[in-house]
């Protein structure tokens, strides 16, 4: 439920106070989604290296005393279980959470550095990401999940130029939807379960991109309220149920007022072992995982049909966007007409 809430509101795991793993196999599954396998000595060394950097940062920056049970666990999975209050020593839950938050950021930073220091092309990343995504899409179909459409597309060069010109922040790195997948469910009440499936089988919940969710479709209060154990779940939430009430989620200024959708962005982990240069030191320092930004759009069939009509239709959206681009491009370039002088007025 916390994972669904995180993705529906575009939150960050750095604001969480605990994790919810109950046993080691759940941690294994989560690490596999992050593309780490503790049975691979290289992956374990990589994770322990990130852990060591995290502990060193906390000790130097804040003078934290990090106990050996957290800084040097015999089994790395214990760190996640301690942070979930599911393993001893339970008194170290808070510091385990703090350490994992810093590990989360360090891993992401170093994966970005790895991408910059290698010749891995964006097209190669997109291809690998697409293979992983469409494999999960096939499994969803085979398992009978209520998905009537699962399609992906890449923005054309013209669309990218238009979007950058339409945005006030005209920086290419700020385009999050170069690669986008649309998922259409049979009914609206199936959106949350499908979202939960994706976060359990395709992308790790911790790498949903904060602040990049547009949600005018599903309200978390209704999702949790419909659960058979609603009262128990609400009482266990990390933040009050009213958290979203005072928030304003990002809204696309070119969308129609009655357009309804759940859009969110994830940094999808991608393994690039075979694309790495033969520099053992580089892979030991920075690992073999990089990230590819992917946007997911989830909507139910009825809403999707309405979104294709009237002011919500895509061609109307593009028309409004292009009108704004033309206005921005021509601003300050139109020479004002000369005003006629009154009789006797000095020239």
C-alpha atoms as a PDB file:
ATOM      1  CA  UNK A   1       0.000   0.000   0.000  1.00  0.00           C
ATOM      2  CA  UNK A   2       2.904   2.363   0.712  1.00  0.00           C
ATOM      3  CA  UNK A   3       4.354   1.518  -2.708  1.00  0.00           C
ATOM      4  CA  UNK A   4       1.065   2.364  -4.445  1.00  0.00           C
ATOM      5  CA  UNK A   5       0.852   5.614  -2.480  1.00  0.00           C
ATOM      6  CA  UNK A   6       4.441   6.516  -3.372  1.00  0.00           C
ATOM      7  CA  UNK A   7       3.798   6.125  -7.101  1.00  0.00           C
ATOM      8  CA  UNK A   8       0.356   7.754  -7.091  1.00  0.00           C
ATOM      9  CA  UNK A   9       1.691  10.927  -5.496  1.00  0.00           C
ATOM     10  CA  UNK A  10       5.231  11.033  -6.916  1.00  0.00           C
ATOM     11  CA  UNK A  11       6.869  10.788  -3.492  1.00  0.00           C
ATOM     12  CA  UNK A  12      10.372   9.725  -2.474  1.00  0.00           C
ATOM     13  CA  UNK A  13      11.569   6.788  -0.386  1.00  0.00           C
ATOM     14  CA  UNK A  14      14.022   9.176   1.283  1.00  0.00           C
ATOM     15  CA  UNK A  15      10.996  10.410   3.273  1.00  0.00           C
ATOM     16  CA  UNK A  16      10.053   6.926   4.468  1.00  0.00           C
ATOM     17  CA  UNK A  17      10.574   5.880   8.087  1.00  0.00           C
ATOM     18  CA  UNK A  18      10.730   2.126   7.585  1.00  0.00           C
ATOM     19  CA  UNK A  19      10.625  -0.741   5.113  1.00  0.00           C
ATOM     20  CA  UNK A  20       8.194  -3.675   5.077  1.00  0.00           C
ATOM     21  CA  UNK A  21      10.204  -6.807   4.265  1.00  0.00           C
ATOM     22  CA  UNK A  22       9.280  -9.799   6.373  1.00  0.00           C
ATOM     23  CA  UNK A  23      11.825 -12.403   5.301  1.00  0.00           C
ATOM     24  CA  UNK A  24      15.055 -12.802   3.372  1.00  0.00           C
ATOM     25  CA  UNK A  25      13.457 -14.077   0.158  1.00  0.00           C
ATOM     26  CA  UNK A  26      11.486 -10.832  -0.158  1.00  0.00           C
ATOM     27  CA  UNK A  27      14.757  -8.899   0.055  1.00  0.00           C
ATOM     28  CA  UNK A  28      16.238 -11.184  -2.628  1.00  0.00           C
ATOM     29  CA  UNK A  29      13.307 -10.383  -4.905  1.00  0.00           C
ATOM     30  CA  UNK A  30      13.690  -6.637  -4.325  1.00  0.00           C
ATOM     31  CA  UNK A  31      17.435  -6.780  -5.022  1.00  0.00           C
ATOM     32  CA  UNK A  32      16.792  -8.707  -8.248  1.00  0.00           C
ATOM     33  CA  UNK A  33      14.460  -5.902  -9.380  1.00  0.00           C
ATOM     34  CA  UNK A  34      17.403  -3.583  -8.734  1.00  0.00           C
ATOM     35  CA  UNK A  35      19.484  -6.065 -10.813  1.00  0.00           C
ATOM     36  CA  UNK A  36      21.638  -7.308  -7.933  1.00  0.00           C
ATOM     37  CA  UNK A  37      22.186 -11.002  -7.214  1.00  0.00           C
ATOM     38  CA  UNK A  38      23.803 -11.778  -3.882  1.00  0.00           C
ATOM     39  CA  UNK A  39      24.947 -15.138  -5.277  1.00  0.00           C
ATOM     40  CA  UNK A  40      27.219 -13.213  -7.654  1.00  0.00           C
ATOM     41  CA  UNK A  41      30.394 -12.218  -5.735  1.00  0.00           C
ATOM     42  CA  UNK A  42      30.763  -9.086  -7.889  1.00  0.00           C
ATOM     43  CA  UNK A  43      27.287  -7.884  -6.968  1.00  0.00           C
ATOM     44  CA  UNK A  44      27.854  -8.541  -3.275  1.00  0.00           C
ATOM     45  CA  UNK A  45      31.149  -6.619  -3.398  1.00  0.00           C
ATOM     46  CA  UNK A  46      29.377  -3.785  -5.170  1.00  0.00           C
ATOM     47  CA  UNK A  47      26.625  -3.586  -2.540  1.00  0.00           C
ATOM     48  CA  UNK A  48      29.114  -3.735   0.309  1.00  0.00           C
ATOM     49  CA  UNK A  49      31.108  -0.977  -1.370  1.00  0.00           C
ATOM     50  CA  UNK A  50      28.001   1.219  -1.514  1.00  0.00           C
ATOM     51  CA  UNK A  51      27.271   0.366   2.127  1.00  0.00           C
ATOM     52  CA  UNK A  52      30.800   1.342   3.154  1.00  0.00           C
ATOM     53  CA  UNK A  53      30.510   4.692   1.346  1.00  0.00           C
ATOM     54  CA  UNK A  54      27.170   5.355   3.012  1.00  0.00           C
ATOM     55  CA  UNK A  55      28.496   4.646   6.501  1.00  0.00           C
ATOM     56  CA  UNK A  56      31.598   6.761   5.866  1.00  0.00           C
ATOM     57  CA  UNK A  57      29.422   9.665   4.690  1.00  0.00           C
ATOM     58  CA  UNK A  58      27.221   9.514   7.786  1.00  0.00           C
ATOM     59  CA  UNK A  59      30.199   9.328  10.125  1.00  0.00           C
ATOM     60  CA  UNK A  60      32.010  12.255   8.509  1.00  0.00           C
ATOM     61  CA  UNK A  61      29.027  14.503   7.787  1.00  0.00           C
ATOM     62  CA  UNK A  62      27.024  13.966  10.991  1.00  0.00           C
ATOM     63  CA  UNK A  63      29.267  12.073  13.402  1.00  0.00           C
ATOM     64  CA  UNK A  64      26.872   9.108  13.406  1.00  0.00           C
ATOM     65  CA  UNK A  65      27.889   6.044  15.369  1.00  0.00           C
ATOM     66  CA  UNK A  66      26.866   3.213  13.046  1.00  0.00           C
ATOM     67  CA  UNK A  67      26.846  -0.145  14.819  1.00  0.00           C
ATOM     68  CA  UNK A  68      28.636  -3.122  13.252  1.00  0.00           C
ATOM     69  CA  UNK A  69      25.315  -4.958  12.835  1.00  0.00           C
ATOM     70  CA  UNK A  70      24.399  -2.261  10.309  1.00  0.00           C
ATOM     71  CA  UNK A  71      27.778  -1.278   8.862  1.00  0.00           C
ATOM     72  CA  UNK A  72      29.133  -4.833   8.504  1.00  0.00           C
ATOM     73  CA  UNK A  73      26.229  -7.310   8.471  1.00  0.00           C
ATOM     74  CA  UNK A  74      27.171 -10.944   7.943  1.00  0.00           C
ATOM     75  CA  UNK A  75      24.240 -11.173   5.516  1.00  0.00           C
ATOM     76  CA  UNK A  76      23.418  -8.035   3.553  1.00  0.00           C
ATOM     77  CA  UNK A  77      19.740  -8.951   3.612  1.00  0.00           C
ATOM     78  CA  UNK A  78      19.751  -8.401   7.375  1.00  0.00           C
ATOM     79  CA  UNK A  79      20.240  -4.684   6.776  1.00  0.00           C
ATOM     80  CA  UNK A  80      16.887  -4.536   4.960  1.00  0.00           C
ATOM     81  CA  UNK A  81      15.180  -6.717   7.568  1.00  0.00           C
ATOM     82  CA  UNK A  82      16.455  -4.564  10.427  1.00  0.00           C
ATOM     83  CA  UNK A  83      15.114  -1.491   8.592  1.00  0.00           C
ATOM     84  CA  UNK A  84      11.779  -3.331   8.388  1.00  0.00           C
ATOM     85  CA  UNK A  85      11.727  -4.120  12.120  1.00  0.00           C
ATOM     86  CA  UNK A  86      11.775  -7.800  11.136  1.00  0.00           C
ATOM     87  CA  UNK A  87      15.200  -8.813  12.499  1.00  0.00           C
ATOM     88  CA  UNK A  88      17.388  -8.234  15.517  1.00  0.00           C
ATOM     89  CA  UNK A  89      18.780  -5.998  16.822  1.00  0.00           C
ATOM     90  CA  UNK A  90      15.538  -4.035  16.437  1.00  0.00           C
ATOM     91  CA  UNK A  91      16.945  -0.992  18.212  1.00  0.00           C
ATOM     92  CA  UNK A  92      18.969  -0.260  15.058  1.00  0.00           C
ATOM     93  CA  UNK A  93      15.936   0.097  12.773  1.00  0.00           C
ATOM     94  CA  UNK A  94      16.280   3.869  12.410  1.00  0.00           C
ATOM     95  CA  UNK A  95      19.982   3.902  11.614  1.00  0.00           C
ATOM     96  CA  UNK A  96      19.482   1.013   9.164  1.00  0.00           C
ATOM     97  CA  UNK A  97      16.854   3.117   7.363  1.00  0.00           C
ATOM     98  CA  UNK A  98      19.182   6.119   7.273  1.00  0.00           C
ATOM     99  CA  UNK A  99      22.029   4.025   5.847  1.00  0.00           C
ATOM    100  CA  UNK A 100      19.795   2.524   3.155  1.00  0.00           C
ATOM    101  CA  UNK A 101      18.570   5.985   2.106  1.00  0.00           C
ATOM    102  CA  UNK A 102      22.140   7.134   1.565  1.00  0.00           C
ATOM    103  CA  UNK A 103      22.950   3.891  -0.286  1.00  0.00           C
ATOM    104  CA  UNK A 104      19.974   4.552  -2.556  1.00  0.00           C
ATOM    105  CA  UNK A 105      21.374   7.969  -3.528  1.00  0.00           C
ATOM    106  CA  UNK A 106      25.014   6.847  -3.873  1.00  0.00           C
ATOM    107  CA  UNK A 107      24.076   3.944  -6.141  1.00  0.00           C
ATOM    108  CA  UNK A 108      22.066   6.264  -8.361  1.00  0.00           C
ATOM    109  CA  UNK A 109      24.862   8.844  -8.546  1.00  0.00           C
ATOM    110  CA  UNK A 110      27.494   6.273  -9.429  1.00  0.00           C
ATOM    111  CA  UNK A 111      25.263   4.624 -12.027  1.00  0.00           C
ATOM    112  CA  UNK A 112      24.955   8.040 -13.692  1.00  0.00           C
ATOM    113  CA  UNK A 113      28.723   8.477 -13.554  1.00  0.00           C
ATOM    114  CA  UNK A 114      29.191   5.020 -15.091  1.00  0.00           C
ATOM    115  CA  UNK A 115      26.898   6.000 -17.959  1.00  0.00           C
ATOM    116  CA  UNK A 116      28.857   9.203 -18.589  1.00  0.00           C
ATOM    117  CA  UNK A 117      32.221   7.411 -18.521  1.00  0.00           C
ATOM    118  CA  UNK A 118      31.274   4.688 -20.997  1.00  0.00           C
ATOM    119  CA  UNK A 119      30.161   4.656 -24.613  1.00  0.00           C
ATOM    120  CA  UNK A 120      26.732   3.176 -23.871  1.00  0.00           C
ATOM    121  CA  UNK A 121      24.255   4.805 -26.255  1.00  0.00           C
ATOM    122  CA  UNK A 122      20.806   5.918 -25.220  1.00  0.00           C
ATOM    123  CA  UNK A 123      19.339   3.748 -27.993  1.00  0.00           C
ATOM    124  CA  UNK A 124      21.052   0.670 -26.523  1.00  0.00           C
ATOM    125  CA  UNK A 125      19.572   1.416 -23.108  1.00  0.00           C
ATOM    126  CA  UNK A 126      16.111   1.948 -24.566  1.00  0.00           C
ATOM    127  CA  UNK A 127      16.351  -1.365 -26.437  1.00  0.00           C
ATOM    128  CA  UNK A 128      17.334  -3.275 -23.298  1.00  0.00           C
ATOM    129  CA  UNK A 129      14.654  -1.549 -21.255  1.00  0.00           C
ATOM    130  CA  UNK A 130      12.045  -2.348 -23.910  1.00  0.00           C
ATOM    131  CA  UNK A 131      12.954  -6.054 -23.878  1.00  0.00           C
ATOM    132  CA  UNK A 132      12.475  -6.190 -20.109  1.00  0.00           C
ATOM    133  CA  UNK A 133       9.227  -4.223 -20.200  1.00  0.00           C
ATOM    134  CA  UNK A 134       7.625  -6.208 -23.009  1.00  0.00           C
ATOM    135  CA  UNK A 135       8.611  -9.494 -21.356  1.00  0.00           C
ATOM    136  CA  UNK A 136       6.642  -8.420 -18.281  1.00  0.00           C
ATOM    137  CA  UNK A 137       3.786  -7.322 -20.569  1.00  0.00           C
ATOM    138  CA  UNK A 138       3.694 -10.838 -22.072  1.00  0.00           C
ATOM    139  CA  UNK A 139       3.633 -12.401 -18.621  1.00  0.00           C
ATOM    140  CA  UNK A 140       0.754 -10.123 -17.606  1.00  0.00           C
ATOM    141  CA  UNK A 141      -1.175 -11.289 -20.663  1.00  0.00           C
ATOM    142  CA  UNK A 142      -0.382 -14.967 -20.031  1.00  0.00           C
ATOM    143  CA  UNK A 143      -1.485 -14.658 -16.389  1.00  0.00           C
ATOM    144  CA  UNK A 144      -4.798 -13.113 -17.396  1.00  0.00           C
ATOM    145  CA  UNK A 145      -4.336  -9.688 -15.845  1.00  0.00           C
ATOM    146  CA  UNK A 146      -7.065  -7.202 -16.867  1.00  0.00           C
ATOM    147  CA  UNK A 147      -4.916  -5.308 -19.385  1.00  0.00           C
ATOM    148  CA  UNK A 148      -6.485  -4.622 -22.779  1.00  0.00           C
ATOM    149  CA  UNK A 149      -3.545  -2.637 -24.173  1.00  0.00           C
ATOM    150  CA  UNK A 150       0.178  -2.382 -23.400  1.00  0.00           C
ATOM    151  CA  UNK A 151       2.088  -0.402 -26.020  1.00  0.00           C
ATOM    152  CA  UNK A 152       5.270   1.666 -26.093  1.00  0.00           C
ATOM    153  CA  UNK A 153       6.536   4.481 -28.247  1.00  0.00           C
ATOM    154  CA  UNK A 154       9.504   6.822 -28.621  1.00  0.00           C
ATOM    155  CA  UNK A 155       9.094  10.539 -29.156  1.00  0.00           C
ATOM    156  CA  UNK A 156      10.138  11.721 -32.588  1.00  0.00           C
ATOM    157  CA  UNK A 157      12.826  14.377 -32.974  1.00  0.00           C
ATOM    158  CA  UNK A 158      10.140  16.915 -33.945  1.00  0.00           C
ATOM    159  CA  UNK A 159       8.118  16.083 -30.820  1.00  0.00           C
ATOM    160  CA  UNK A 160      11.197  16.534 -28.632  1.00  0.00           C
ATOM    161  CA  UNK A 161      11.948  19.925 -30.177  1.00  0.00           C
ATOM    162  CA  UNK A 162       8.336  21.024 -29.718  1.00  0.00           C
ATOM    163  CA  UNK A 163       8.251  19.892 -26.103  1.00  0.00           C
ATOM    164  CA  UNK A 164      11.500  21.680 -25.254  1.00  0.00           C
ATOM    165  CA  UNK A 165      10.286  24.890 -26.852  1.00  0.00           C
ATOM    166  CA  UNK A 166       6.974  24.620 -25.031  1.00  0.00           C
ATOM    167  CA  UNK A 167       8.657  24.150 -21.637  1.00  0.00           C
ATOM    168  CA  UNK A 168      10.086  27.055 -19.704  1.00  0.00           C
ATOM    169  CA  UNK A 169      12.993  24.826 -18.710  1.00  0.00           C
ATOM    170  CA  UNK A 170      14.425  24.136 -22.175  1.00  0.00           C
ATOM    171  CA  UNK A 171      16.941  21.489 -21.116  1.00  0.00           C
ATOM    172  CA  UNK A 172      16.947  18.147 -22.896  1.00  0.00           C
ATOM    173  CA  UNK A 173      17.763  16.282 -19.667  1.00  0.00           C
ATOM    174  CA  UNK A 174      14.400  17.389 -18.267  1.00  0.00           C
ATOM    175  CA  UNK A 175      12.370  15.453 -20.815  1.00  0.00           C
ATOM    176  CA  UNK A 176      11.221  12.366 -18.954  1.00  0.00           C
ATOM    177  CA  UNK A 177       8.963  10.810 -21.576  1.00  0.00           C
ATOM    178  CA  UNK A 178      11.289  10.081 -24.489  1.00  0.00           C
ATOM    179  CA  UNK A 179      10.258   6.460 -23.971  1.00  0.00           C
ATOM    180  CA  UNK A 180       6.670   5.949 -22.878  1.00  0.00           C
ATOM    181  CA  UNK A 181       4.357   2.981 -22.366  1.00  0.00           C
ATOM    182  CA  UNK A 182       0.584   3.158 -22.200  1.00  0.00           C
ATOM    183  CA  UNK A 183      -1.294   0.522 -20.251  1.00  0.00           C
ATOM    184  CA  UNK A 184      -5.076   0.338 -20.486  1.00  0.00           C
ATOM    185  CA  UNK A 185      -7.038  -1.693 -17.941  1.00  0.00           C
ATOM    186  CA  UNK A 186     -10.581  -2.978 -18.310  1.00  0.00           C
ATOM    187  CA  UNK A 187     -11.919  -0.948 -15.353  1.00  0.00           C
ATOM    188  CA  UNK A 188     -10.670   1.932 -13.228  1.00  0.00           C
ATOM    189  CA  UNK A 189     -10.600  -0.121 -10.019  1.00  0.00           C
ATOM    190  CA  UNK A 190      -8.000  -2.362 -11.703  1.00  0.00           C
ATOM    191  CA  UNK A 191      -5.459   0.453 -12.136  1.00  0.00           C
ATOM    192  CA  UNK A 192      -4.037   0.149  -8.604  1.00  0.00           C
ATOM    193  CA  UNK A 193      -3.595  -3.667  -8.733  1.00  0.00           C
ATOM    194  CA  UNK A 194      -1.848  -3.382 -12.113  1.00  0.00           C
ATOM    195  CA  UNK A 195       0.388  -0.646 -10.697  1.00  0.00           C
ATOM    196  CA  UNK A 196       1.232  -2.922  -7.762  1.00  0.00           C
ATOM    197  CA  UNK A 197       2.089  -5.775 -10.161  1.00  0.00           C
ATOM    198  CA  UNK A 198       4.464  -3.547 -12.129  1.00  0.00           C
ATOM    199  CA  UNK A 199       6.216  -2.411  -8.951  1.00  0.00           C
ATOM    200  CA  UNK A 200       6.654  -6.036  -7.904  1.00  0.00           C
ATOM    201  CA  UNK A 201       7.755  -7.519 -11.230  1.00  0.00           C
ATOM    202  CA  UNK A 202       9.190  -4.782 -13.455  1.00  0.00           C
ATOM    203  CA  UNK A 203      10.720  -1.803 -11.648  1.00  0.00           C
ATOM    204  CA  UNK A 204      11.832  -1.313  -8.038  1.00  0.00           C
ATOM    205  CA  UNK A 205       9.548   1.092  -6.180  1.00  0.00           C
ATOM    206  CA  UNK A 206      12.522   3.047  -4.835  1.00  0.00           C
ATOM    207  CA  UNK A 207      13.343   4.451  -8.265  1.00  0.00           C
ATOM    208  CA  UNK A 208      10.060   6.108  -9.081  1.00  0.00           C
ATOM    209  CA  UNK A 209      11.133   9.673  -9.973  1.00  0.00           C
ATOM    210  CA  UNK A 210       9.850  12.082  -7.283  1.00  0.00           C
ATOM    211  CA  UNK A 211       7.726  14.974  -8.480  1.00  0.00           C
ATOM    212  CA  UNK A 212       7.086  13.470 -11.925  1.00  0.00           C
ATOM    213  CA  UNK A 213       3.638  12.003 -11.327  1.00  0.00           C
ATOM    214  CA  UNK A 214       0.491  13.390 -12.925  1.00  0.00           C
ATOM    215  CA  UNK A 215      -2.453  11.679 -11.301  1.00  0.00           C
ATOM    216  CA  UNK A 216      -5.965  12.850 -12.092  1.00  0.00           C
ATOM    217  CA  UNK A 217      -7.362   9.327 -12.183  1.00  0.00           C
ATOM    218  CA  UNK A 218      -6.912   7.398  -8.934  1.00  0.00           C
ATOM    219  CA  UNK A 219      -7.262   8.648  -5.367  1.00  0.00           C
ATOM    220  CA  UNK A 220      -5.242   6.807  -2.739  1.00  0.00           C
ATOM    221  CA  UNK A 221      -7.982   7.276  -0.137  1.00  0.00           C
ATOM    222  CA  UNK A 222     -10.348   5.230  -2.310  1.00  0.00           C
ATOM    223  CA  UNK A 223      -7.730   2.550  -2.968  1.00  0.00           C
ATOM    224  CA  UNK A 224      -6.958   1.939   0.685  1.00  0.00           C
ATOM    225  CA  UNK A 225     -10.604   2.395   1.697  1.00  0.00           C
ATOM    226  CA  UNK A 226     -11.687  -0.422  -0.635  1.00  0.00           C
ATOM    227  CA  UNK A 227      -9.298  -2.920   0.965  1.00  0.00           C
ATOM    228  CA  UNK A 228     -10.866  -5.539   3.302  1.00  0.00           C
ATOM    229  CA  UNK A 229      -8.364  -4.522   6.016  1.00  0.00           C
ATOM    230  CA  UNK A 230      -8.744  -0.776   5.439  1.00  0.00           C
ATOM    231  CA  UNK A 231      -8.743   0.301   9.105  1.00  0.00           C
ATOM    232  CA  UNK A 232      -5.660  -1.773   9.902  1.00  0.00           C
ATOM    233  CA  UNK A 233      -3.782  -0.457   6.859  1.00  0.00           C
ATOM    234  CA  UNK A 234      -4.710   3.175   7.479  1.00  0.00           C
ATOM    235  CA  UNK A 235      -3.473   2.922  11.060  1.00  0.00           C
ATOM    236  CA  UNK A 236      -0.128   1.526   9.831  1.00  0.00           C
ATOM    237  CA  UNK A 237       0.545   4.197   7.177  1.00  0.00           C
ATOM    238  CA  UNK A 238       3.727   6.207   7.611  1.00  0.00           C
ATOM    239  CA  UNK A 239       1.864   9.489   7.092  1.00  0.00           C
ATOM    240  CA  UNK A 240      -1.772  10.459   7.789  1.00  0.00           C
ATOM    241  CA  UNK A 241      -4.359   9.624   5.148  1.00  0.00           C
ATOM    242  CA  UNK A 242      -4.977  13.363   4.725  1.00  0.00           C
ATOM    243  CA  UNK A 243      -1.441  13.879   3.354  1.00  0.00           C
ATOM    244  CA  UNK A 244      -2.583  14.243  -0.254  1.00  0.00           C
ATOM    245  CA  UNK A 245      -5.489  16.567   0.570  1.00  0.00           C
ATOM    246  CA  UNK A 246      -3.382  19.734   0.589  1.00  0.00           C
ATOM    247  CA  UNK A 247      -1.070  18.780  -2.256  1.00  0.00           C
ATOM    248  CA  UNK A 248      -1.182  19.996  -5.840  1.00  0.00           C
ATOM    249  CA  UNK A 249       0.233  17.419  -8.231  1.00  0.00           C
ATOM    250  CA  UNK A 250       2.061  18.549 -11.384  1.00  0.00           C
ATOM    251  CA  UNK A 251      -0.354  19.242 -14.227  1.00  0.00           C
ATOM    252  CA  UNK A 252       0.341  19.484 -17.932  1.00  0.00           C
ATOM    253  CA  UNK A 253      -0.767  22.976 -18.950  1.00  0.00           C
ATOM    254  CA  UNK A 254      -1.712  21.788 -22.453  1.00  0.00           C
ATOM    255  CA  UNK A 255      -4.044  19.016 -21.278  1.00  0.00           C
ATOM    256  CA  UNK A 256      -7.795  19.611 -21.252  1.00  0.00           C
ATOM    257  CA  UNK A 257      -9.460  20.107 -17.859  1.00  0.00           C
ATOM    258  CA  UNK A 258     -11.412  16.860 -18.157  1.00  0.00           C
ATOM    259  CA  UNK A 259      -8.363  14.782 -19.234  1.00  0.00           C
ATOM    260  CA  UNK A 260      -7.825  11.938 -16.752  1.00  0.00           C
ATOM    261  CA  UNK A 261      -4.707   9.785 -16.473  1.00  0.00           C
ATOM    262  CA  UNK A 262      -2.039   8.347 -14.189  1.00  0.00           C
ATOM    263  CA  UNK A 263       1.420   9.254 -15.496  1.00  0.00           C
ATOM    264  CA  UNK A 264       4.590   8.488 -13.572  1.00  0.00           C
ATOM    265  CA  UNK A 265       8.278   8.149 -14.402  1.00  0.00           C
ATOM    266  CA  UNK A 266      10.742   5.515 -13.203  1.00  0.00           C
ATOM    267  CA  UNK A 267      14.491   5.199 -13.490  1.00  0.00           C
ATOM    268  CA  UNK A 268      14.559   1.642 -14.763  1.00  0.00           C
ATOM    269  CA  UNK A 269      17.757  -0.272 -13.870  1.00  0.00           C
ATOM    270  CA  UNK A 270      19.539  -1.792 -16.880  1.00  0.00           C
ATOM    271  CA  UNK A 271      22.501  -4.192 -16.788  1.00  0.00           C
ATOM    272  CA  UNK A 272      25.228  -3.308 -19.279  1.00  0.00           C
ATOM    273  CA  UNK A 273      27.844  -5.991 -18.559  1.00  0.00           C
ATOM    274  CA  UNK A 274      28.601  -6.791 -22.204  1.00  0.00           C
ATOM    275  CA  UNK A 275      28.814  -3.116 -23.141  1.00  0.00           C
ATOM    276  CA  UNK A 276      31.407  -2.276 -20.518  1.00  0.00           C
ATOM    277  CA  UNK A 277      35.007  -1.506 -21.477  1.00  0.00           C
ATOM    278  CA  UNK A 278      37.695  -3.902 -20.305  1.00  0.00           C
ATOM    279  CA  UNK A 279      38.509  -1.830 -17.245  1.00  0.00           C
ATOM    280  CA  UNK A 280      38.048  -4.005 -14.201  1.00  0.00           C
ATOM    281  CA  UNK A 281      38.745  -1.056 -11.913  1.00  0.00           C
ATOM    282  CA  UNK A 282      35.870   0.930 -13.420  1.00  0.00           C
ATOM    283  CA  UNK A 283      33.303  -1.838 -12.968  1.00  0.00           C
ATOM    284  CA  UNK A 284      34.541  -2.591  -9.449  1.00  0.00           C
ATOM    285  CA  UNK A 285      34.167   1.087  -8.519  1.00  0.00           C
ATOM    286  CA  UNK A 286      30.882   1.863 -10.273  1.00  0.00           C
ATOM    287  CA  UNK A 287      29.238  -1.494 -10.931  1.00  0.00           C
ATOM    288  CA  UNK A 288      27.432  -2.688 -14.049  1.00  0.00           C
ATOM    289  CA  UNK A 289      24.007  -1.095 -13.624  1.00  0.00           C
ATOM    290  CA  UNK A 290      22.829   2.149 -15.230  1.00  0.00           C
ATOM    291  CA  UNK A 291      19.369   3.722 -15.449  1.00  0.00           C
ATOM    292  CA  UNK A 292      16.987   4.475 -18.293  1.00  0.00           C
ATOM    293  CA  UNK A 293      14.147   6.957 -17.769  1.00  0.00           C
ATOM    294  CA  UNK A 294      10.779   5.490 -18.728  1.00  0.00           C
ATOM    295  CA  UNK A 295       7.328   7.019 -18.426  1.00  0.00           C
ATOM    296  CA  UNK A 296       4.288   4.851 -17.763  1.00  0.00           C
ATOM    297  CA  UNK A 297       0.750   5.962 -18.470  1.00  0.00           C
ATOM    298  CA  UNK A 298      -2.032   3.876 -16.943  1.00  0.00           C
ATOM    299  CA  UNK A 299      -5.708   4.462 -17.648  1.00  0.00           C
ATOM    300  CA  UNK A 300      -8.923   2.438 -17.770  1.00  0.00           C
ATOM    301  CA  UNK A 301     -10.648   1.707 -21.088  1.00  0.00           C
ATOM    302  CA  UNK A 302     -13.645   4.036 -20.597  1.00  0.00           C
ATOM    303  CA  UNK A 303     -11.466   6.965 -19.541  1.00  0.00           C
ATOM    304  CA  UNK A 304      -9.059   6.282 -22.389  1.00  0.00           C
ATOM    305  CA  UNK A 305     -11.949   6.474 -24.867  1.00  0.00           C
ATOM    306  CA  UNK A 306     -13.120   9.802 -23.382  1.00  0.00           C
ATOM    307  CA  UNK A 307      -9.561  11.135 -23.480  1.00  0.00           C
ATOM    308  CA  UNK A 308      -9.575  10.683 -27.243  1.00  0.00           C
ATOM    309  CA  UNK A 309     -12.614  12.908 -27.721  1.00  0.00           C
ATOM    310  CA  UNK A 310     -13.253  16.660 -27.745  1.00  0.00           C
ATOM    311  CA  UNK A 311     -10.726  18.963 -26.092  1.00  0.00           C
ATOM    312  CA  UNK A 312      -8.906  15.997 -24.539  1.00  0.00           C
ATOM    313  CA  UNK A 313      -8.022  14.504 -27.927  1.00  0.00           C
ATOM    314  CA  UNK A 314      -4.323  14.275 -28.742  1.00  0.00           C
ATOM    315  CA  UNK A 315      -4.556  16.434 -31.857  1.00  0.00           C
ATOM    316  CA  UNK A 316      -6.154  19.230 -29.796  1.00  0.00           C
ATOM    317  CA  UNK A 317      -3.377  18.837 -27.216  1.00  0.00           C
ATOM    318  CA  UNK A 318      -0.693  19.170 -29.921  1.00  0.00           C
ATOM    319  CA  UNK A 319      -2.477  22.166 -31.392  1.00  0.00           C
ATOM    320  CA  UNK A 320      -2.426  23.981 -28.025  1.00  0.00           C
ATOM    321  CA  UNK A 321       1.225  23.065 -27.533  1.00  0.00           C
ATOM    322  CA  UNK A 322       2.268  24.285 -30.995  1.00  0.00           C
ATOM    323  CA  UNK A 323       0.328  27.522 -30.517  1.00  0.00           C
ATOM    324  CA  UNK A 324       2.299  28.191 -27.344  1.00  0.00           C
ATOM    325  CA  UNK A 325       5.601  27.369 -29.104  1.00  0.00           C
ATOM    326  CA  UNK A 326       4.840  29.794 -31.925  1.00  0.00           C
ATOM    327  CA  UNK A 327       3.965  32.496 -29.398  1.00  0.00           C
ATOM    328  CA  UNK A 328       7.254  31.968 -27.550  1.00  0.00           C
ATOM    329  CA  UNK A 329       9.334  31.900 -30.734  1.00  0.00           C
ATOM    330  CA  UNK A 330       7.852  35.112 -32.089  1.00  0.00           C
ATOM    331  CA  UNK A 331       7.895  37.025 -28.814  1.00  0.00           C
ATOM    332  CA  UNK A 332       9.832  40.309 -29.189  1.00  0.00           C
ATOM    333  CA  UNK A 333      10.333  39.813 -32.904  1.00  0.00           C
ATOM    334  CA  UNK A 334       7.176  41.535 -34.159  1.00  0.00           C
ATOM    335  CA  UNK A 335       7.892  45.165 -35.025  1.00  0.00           C
ATOM    336  CA  UNK A 336       5.101  47.382 -33.618  1.00  0.00           C
ATOM    337  CA  UNK A 337       3.233  49.550 -36.063  1.00  0.00           C
ATOM    338  CA  UNK A 338       4.133  53.243 -36.082  1.00  0.00           C
ATOM    339  CA  UNK A 339       1.598  55.501 -34.431  1.00  0.00           C
ATOM    340  CA  UNK A 340       0.345  58.343 -36.567  1.00  0.00           C
ATOM    341  CA  UNK A 341       1.394  61.730 -35.205  1.00  0.00           C
ATOM    342  CA  UNK A 342      -1.206  64.304 -34.371  1.00  0.00           C
ATOM    343  CA  UNK A 343      -1.215  67.590 -36.354  1.00  0.00           C
ATOM    344  CA  UNK A 344       1.428  69.907 -34.945  1.00  0.00           C
ATOM    345  CA  UNK A 345       3.144  67.085 -32.936  1.00  0.00           C
ATOM    346  CA  UNK A 346       6.967  67.262 -33.139  1.00  0.00           C
ATOM    347  CA  UNK A 347       8.557  64.603 -35.367  1.00  0.00           C
END
